[in-house]
Protein backbone atom coordinates (compact mmCIF):
# COMPACT_ATOMS: atom_id res chain seq x y z
CA VAL A 1 2.57 6.07 12.02
CA ALA A 2 4.56 7.11 8.96
CA ARG A 3 6.56 9.53 11.08
CA ARG A 4 7.21 6.89 13.75
CA LEU A 5 8.33 4.45 11.06
CA SER A 6 10.67 7.14 9.64
CA LEU A 7 9.28 6.59 6.16
CA ARG A 8 10.95 9.78 4.87
CA LYS A 9 14.19 7.76 5.14
CA HIS A 10 12.75 4.82 3.18
CA PRO A 11 14.16 4.80 -0.37
CA GLU A 12 10.73 4.23 -1.94
CA CYS A 13 8.95 6.87 0.13
CA HIS A 14 11.30 9.80 0.71
CA SER A 15 9.17 12.27 -1.25
CA MET A 16 5.72 10.94 -0.29
CA ALA A 17 3.29 12.22 2.32
CA GLY A 18 2.80 9.84 5.24
CA GLY A 19 -0.54 8.36 4.19
CA LYS A 20 0.64 7.81 0.63
CA ALA A 21 3.83 6.14 1.91
CA ILE A 22 1.81 3.78 4.13
CA GLU A 23 -0.45 2.90 1.20
CA HIS A 24 2.52 2.34 -1.13
CA LEU A 25 4.39 0.05 1.26
CA ALA A 26 1.22 -1.79 2.28
CA GLN A 27 0.73 -2.99 -1.29
CA SER A 28 3.64 -5.39 -0.93
CA GLY A 29 3.27 -6.08 2.79
CA ASN A 30 1.55 -8.92 4.57
CA GLN A 31 -1.25 -7.53 6.73
CA GLU A 32 -1.64 -10.85 8.53
CA LEU A 33 1.79 -10.80 10.16
CA LEU A 34 0.57 -8.20 12.65
CA THR A 35 -2.94 -7.85 14.01
CA PHE A 36 -4.20 -4.75 15.73
CA ARG A 37 -7.27 -4.73 17.93
CA LEU A 38 -9.86 -2.41 16.43
CA PRO A 39 -10.74 0.76 18.33
CA MET A 40 -14.05 1.37 20.05
CA LYS A 41 -15.46 -2.14 19.61
CA HIS A 42 -17.58 -1.75 22.76
CA TYR A 43 -19.06 1.62 21.82
CA ARG A 44 -22.44 1.44 20.14
CA ASN A 45 -22.20 4.75 18.33
CA CYS A 46 -20.86 5.99 15.01
CA ASN A 47 -17.79 7.84 16.30
CA PHE A 48 -14.29 7.22 14.98
CA SER A 49 -11.13 7.24 17.06
CA PHE A 50 -7.63 6.27 16.11
CA SER A 51 -5.77 7.14 19.33
CA GLY A 52 -6.02 3.64 20.77
CA LEU A 53 -4.88 2.14 17.50
CA GLN A 54 -1.98 4.58 17.36
CA ASN A 55 -0.85 3.44 20.81
CA LEU A 56 -1.05 -0.23 19.78
CA VAL A 57 0.94 0.46 16.61
CA THR A 58 3.57 2.48 18.45
CA ASN A 59 4.00 -0.31 20.99
CA ALA A 60 4.30 -2.88 18.19
CA ILE A 61 6.94 -0.76 16.45
CA VAL A 62 8.93 -0.44 19.68
CA GLN A 63 8.74 -4.22 20.15
CA LYS A 64 9.87 -4.87 16.56
CA GLU A 65 12.77 -2.43 16.99
CA LYS A 66 13.87 -4.35 20.08
CA GLU A 67 13.56 -7.68 18.26
CA GLU A 68 15.62 -6.37 15.32
CA GLY A 69 18.11 -4.56 17.56
CA ILE A 70 17.63 -1.20 15.87
CA GLN A 71 17.15 2.30 17.19
CA GLU A 72 14.14 4.55 16.68
CA GLY A 73 14.56 6.28 13.32
CA GLU A 74 16.01 3.25 11.55
CA ILE A 75 13.87 1.34 9.05
CA LEU A 76 12.38 -1.96 10.24
CA SER A 77 12.84 -4.96 7.98
CA CYS A 78 9.10 -5.62 8.39
CA VAL A 79 8.05 -2.02 7.63
CA LYS A 80 5.85 -3.14 4.71
CA ASP A 81 4.01 -5.61 6.92
CA VAL A 82 3.46 -2.96 9.59
CA ALA A 83 2.13 -0.58 6.93
CA ALA A 84 -0.22 -3.26 5.57
CA ALA A 85 -1.52 -4.18 9.03
CA VAL A 86 -2.07 -0.54 9.98
CA GLN A 87 -3.81 0.29 6.72
CA HIS A 88 -6.06 -2.75 7.10
CA ALA A 89 -6.99 -1.91 10.70
CA VAL A 90 -7.77 1.71 9.77
CA ALA A 91 -9.86 0.57 6.80
CA VAL A 92 -11.85 -1.95 8.83
CA HIS A 93 -12.48 0.63 11.58
CA ILE A 94 -13.69 3.20 9.06
CA ILE A 95 -15.87 0.67 7.25
CA GLN A 96 -17.43 -0.71 10.43
CA ARG A 97 -18.21 2.72 11.86
CA THR A 98 -19.54 3.96 8.52
CA TYR A 99 -21.78 0.91 8.31
CA ARG A 100 -23.15 1.71 11.78
CA ALA A 101 -23.86 5.26 10.61
CA MET A 102 -25.61 3.98 7.49
CA LEU A 103 -27.81 1.66 9.55
CA PHE A 104 -28.61 4.46 12.00
CA CYS A 105 -29.61 6.80 9.17
CA ILE A 106 -31.79 4.17 7.52
CA LYS A 107 -33.46 3.13 10.79
CA ASN A 108 -34.25 6.74 11.67
CA SER A 109 -35.43 7.65 8.16
CA ILE A 110 -32.65 10.20 7.76
CA LEU A 111 -31.78 8.77 4.36
CA PRO A 112 -34.16 7.69 1.62
CA SER A 113 -34.82 3.95 1.40
CA LYS A 114 -33.73 4.05 -2.26
CA ASN A 115 -30.95 5.96 -3.98
CA ALA A 116 -29.02 6.68 -0.77
CA SER A 117 -25.50 8.03 -1.20
CA LEU A 118 -22.24 7.80 0.71
CA VAL A 119 -19.80 10.65 0.13
CA VAL A 120 -16.17 10.23 1.15
CA SER A 121 -13.69 13.06 0.85
CA GLY A 122 -10.53 14.38 2.42
CA GLY A 123 -7.20 12.65 2.63
CA VAL A 124 -8.71 9.29 3.58
CA ALA A 125 -10.59 9.17 0.27
CA SER A 126 -7.31 9.17 -1.64
CA ASN A 127 -6.36 5.78 -0.19
CA GLN A 128 -7.42 3.20 -2.76
CA TYR A 129 -7.55 0.32 -0.27
CA ILE A 130 -9.96 2.21 1.99
CA ARG A 131 -11.92 3.48 -1.00
CA LYS A 132 -12.33 -0.07 -2.33
CA GLY A 133 -13.58 -1.26 1.07
CA LEU A 134 -16.09 1.59 1.21
CA GLN A 135 -17.17 0.81 -2.36
CA ASN A 136 -17.84 -2.80 -1.33
CA LEU A 137 -19.81 -1.54 1.69
CA ALA A 138 -21.84 0.85 -0.46
CA ASP A 139 -22.53 -1.84 -3.09
CA ALA A 140 -23.64 -4.37 -0.47
CA ASN A 141 -26.13 -1.87 0.94
CA ASP A 142 -27.40 -0.35 -2.33
CA PHE A 143 -25.71 2.99 -1.71
CA ALA A 144 -24.02 5.05 -4.37
CA LEU A 145 -20.46 5.96 -3.39
CA PHE A 146 -19.15 9.36 -4.39
CA CYS A 147 -15.49 10.27 -3.99
CA PRO A 148 -13.60 13.11 -5.62
CA PRO A 149 -10.65 12.12 -7.79
CA PRO A 150 -7.60 11.36 -5.61
CA ARG A 151 -5.86 14.56 -6.73
CA LEU A 152 -8.69 16.49 -5.04
CA CYS A 153 -8.68 14.38 -1.88
CA THR A 154 -6.44 16.61 0.15
CA ASP A 155 -6.35 17.90 3.66
CA ASN A 156 -9.72 18.96 5.06
CA GLY A 157 -8.34 22.46 5.66
CA VAL A 158 -8.52 23.05 1.92
CA MET A 159 -12.16 21.96 1.88
CA ILE A 160 -12.99 24.24 4.79
CA ALA A 161 -11.38 27.14 2.95
CA TRP A 162 -13.33 26.24 -0.19
CA ASN A 163 -16.54 26.25 1.83
CA GLY A 164 -15.66 29.78 2.91
CA ILE A 165 -15.19 30.82 -0.72
CA GLU A 166 -18.56 29.33 -1.66
CA ARG A 167 -20.28 31.06 1.27
CA LEU A 168 -18.74 34.37 0.28
CA ARG A 169 -19.81 33.92 -3.38
CA ALA A 170 -23.35 33.04 -2.28
CA GLY A 171 -23.53 36.22 -0.21
CA LEU A 172 -23.81 34.26 3.04
CA GLY A 173 -20.91 36.16 4.50
CA VAL A 174 -18.09 35.06 6.67
CA LEU A 175 -18.51 34.45 10.38
CA HIS A 176 -16.98 37.34 12.32
CA SER A 177 -17.95 36.23 15.81
CA THR A 178 -17.95 32.83 17.44
CA ASP A 179 -20.52 33.88 20.04
CA GLY A 180 -23.32 31.35 20.24
CA ILE A 181 -21.42 28.65 18.35
CA ARG A 182 -20.90 25.34 20.11
CA TYR A 183 -18.05 23.04 19.21
CA GLU A 184 -16.10 20.19 20.68
CA PRO A 185 -12.33 20.63 20.27
CA ARG A 186 -11.30 17.04 19.62
């Protein structure tokens, strides 16, 4: 979304990563001026998906560009409102799906009935709006929320590499063959 909004050209965001730029602009935007339908409302599982939301946002941006008579790559006058609406929709989707996962784990005795924890990491955990929503969710359900400091909430690739370092230090070795490993490339 940040790329489609050309936020690198925005004077307040030229040196920010996309997610940080969205969060920054959203702080002074009006999330109610645009409403995006939440993804996967009819699926009764705990999966996340943002592709449908991305399509809705892209279509809304195209419509706003037409209304404002600007070309792709120019900054919309309502860019802060788009950022706020997108951030809100992403946060609500994450919170709703996480809540479903929490309920599933409790119902199936996967988590203890007391002192359960929710851990959030990666780039999404650096967003304070999302983090606050997850904190409210955790508090309402008597979960402890654990998030690394934002400076450590970076791309998951770094965490995967760190896992490799920890495995190597623990003498667990590094996987040299993918035979017998199942994965879903999505």
